[in-house]
Amino acid sequence: MNTAVNNLLSKQQLAEHLQVSVTTIDRWRKQGLPCTRVGVKLIRFDLSEVTEWLEKRAAD
């Protein structure tokens, strides 16, 4: 598997890391939370991109 893919988090892992629910992650995705599609159905999140997105939202 690609090393870059190994550095990505699943939705569940991201929710646990941010201490929010999976439902919150789904809601944020609809609001533009950056994610990467791996294959047809698999979605992963780059923590640095997510952190940047959250910081930008907090500043607005």
C-alpha atoms as a PDB file:
ATOM      1  CA  MET A   1       0.000   0.000   0.000  1.00  0.00           C
ATOM      2  CA  ASN A   2       1.130   3.550  -0.739  1.00  0.00           C
ATOM      3  CA  THR A   3       2.898   5.289   2.169  1.00  0.00           C
ATOM      4  CA  ALA A   4       0.764   8.408   1.679  1.00  0.00           C
ATOM      5  CA  VAL A   5      -2.377   6.334   2.157  1.00  0.00           C
ATOM      6  CA  ASN A   6      -0.927   4.895   5.360  1.00  0.00           C
ATOM      7  CA  ASN A   7      -0.715   8.436   6.781  1.00  0.00           C
ATOM      8  CA  LEU A   8      -4.423   9.016   6.305  1.00  0.00           C
ATOM      9  CA  LEU A   9      -7.065   8.476   8.973  1.00  0.00           C
ATOM     10  CA  SER A  10     -10.397   6.708   8.656  1.00  0.00           C
ATOM     11  CA  LYS A  11     -13.564   8.549   9.638  1.00  0.00           C
ATOM     12  CA  GLN A  12     -13.664   6.663  12.936  1.00  0.00           C
ATOM     13  CA  GLN A  13      -9.989   7.389  13.675  1.00  0.00           C
ATOM     14  CA  LEU A  14     -10.470  11.075  12.905  1.00  0.00           C
ATOM     15  CA  ALA A  15     -13.548  11.282  15.120  1.00  0.00           C
ATOM     16  CA  GLU A  16     -11.661   9.666  17.987  1.00  0.00           C
ATOM     17  CA  HIS A  17      -8.633  11.925  17.474  1.00  0.00           C
ATOM     18  CA  LEU A  18     -10.787  15.075  17.468  1.00  0.00           C
ATOM     19  CA  GLN A  19     -13.056  13.724  20.227  1.00  0.00           C
ATOM     20  CA  VAL A  20     -16.201  14.259  18.180  1.00  0.00           C
ATOM     21  CA  SER A  21     -18.817  11.872  16.831  1.00  0.00           C
ATOM     22  CA  VAL A  22     -18.746  10.224  13.425  1.00  0.00           C
ATOM     23  CA  THR A  23     -21.960  12.161  12.730  1.00  0.00           C
ATOM     24  CA  THR A  24     -20.030  15.402  13.257  1.00  0.00           C
ATOM     25  CA  ILE A  25     -17.392  14.248  10.763  1.00  0.00           C
ATOM     26  CA  ASP A  26     -20.169  13.501   8.243  1.00  0.00           C
ATOM     27  CA  ARG A  27     -21.698  16.947   8.815  1.00  0.00           C
ATOM     28  CA  TRP A  28     -18.315  18.643   8.412  1.00  0.00           C
ATOM     29  CA  ARG A  29     -17.728  16.722   5.164  1.00  0.00           C
ATOM     30  CA  LYS A  30     -20.924  18.226   3.785  1.00  0.00           C
ATOM     31  CA  GLN A  31     -19.548  21.634   4.829  1.00  0.00           C
ATOM     32  CA  GLY A  32     -16.270  21.085   2.981  1.00  0.00           C
ATOM     33  CA  LEU A  33     -14.022  19.071   5.309  1.00  0.00           C
ATOM     34  CA  PRO A  34     -11.150  17.927   3.085  1.00  0.00           C
ATOM     35  CA  CYS A  35     -10.960  14.208   2.432  1.00  0.00           C
ATOM     36  CA  THR A  36      -9.360  11.804   0.003  1.00  0.00           C
ATOM     37  CA  ARG A  37     -11.220   9.055  -1.808  1.00  0.00           C
ATOM     38  CA  VAL A  38      -9.246   5.808  -1.959  1.00  0.00           C
ATOM     39  CA  GLY A  39     -10.896   3.500  -4.438  1.00  0.00           C
ATOM     40  CA  VAL A  40     -14.633   3.649  -4.979  1.00  0.00           C
ATOM     41  CA  LYS A  41     -16.024   3.852  -1.437  1.00  0.00           C
ATOM     42  CA  LEU A  42     -13.112   4.324   0.939  1.00  0.00           C
ATOM     43  CA  ILE A  43     -12.636   7.846   2.311  1.00  0.00           C
ATOM     44  CA  ARG A  44      -9.605   8.944   4.318  1.00  0.00           C
ATOM     45  CA  PHE A  45      -8.598  12.180   6.005  1.00  0.00           C
ATOM     46  CA  ASP A  46      -5.202  13.902   6.098  1.00  0.00           C
ATOM     47  CA  LEU A  47      -4.873  15.244   9.641  1.00  0.00           C
ATOM     48  CA  SER A  48      -2.838  18.300   8.593  1.00  0.00           C
ATOM     49  CA  GLU A  49      -5.486  19.296   6.005  1.00  0.00           C
ATOM     50  CA  VAL A  50      -8.281  18.745   8.524  1.00  0.00           C
ATOM     51  CA  THR A  51      -6.461  20.796  11.179  1.00  0.00           C
ATOM     52  CA  GLU A  52      -5.930  23.637   8.715  1.00  0.00           C
ATOM     53  CA  TRP A  53      -9.619  23.527   7.722  1.00  0.00           C
ATOM     54  CA  LEU A  54     -10.763  23.597  11.360  1.00  0.00           C
ATOM     55  CA  GLU A  55      -8.413  26.490  12.207  1.00  0.00           C
ATOM     56  CA  LYS A  56      -9.689  28.486   9.228  1.00  0.00           C
ATOM     57  CA  ARG A  57     -13.297  27.897  10.294  1.00  0.00           C
ATOM     58  CA  ALA A  58     -12.509  28.962  13.865  1.00  0.00           C
ATOM     59  CA  ALA A  59     -10.910  32.192  12.594  1.00  0.00           C
ATOM     60  CA  ASP A  60     -13.945  33.088  10.437  1.00  0.00           C
END
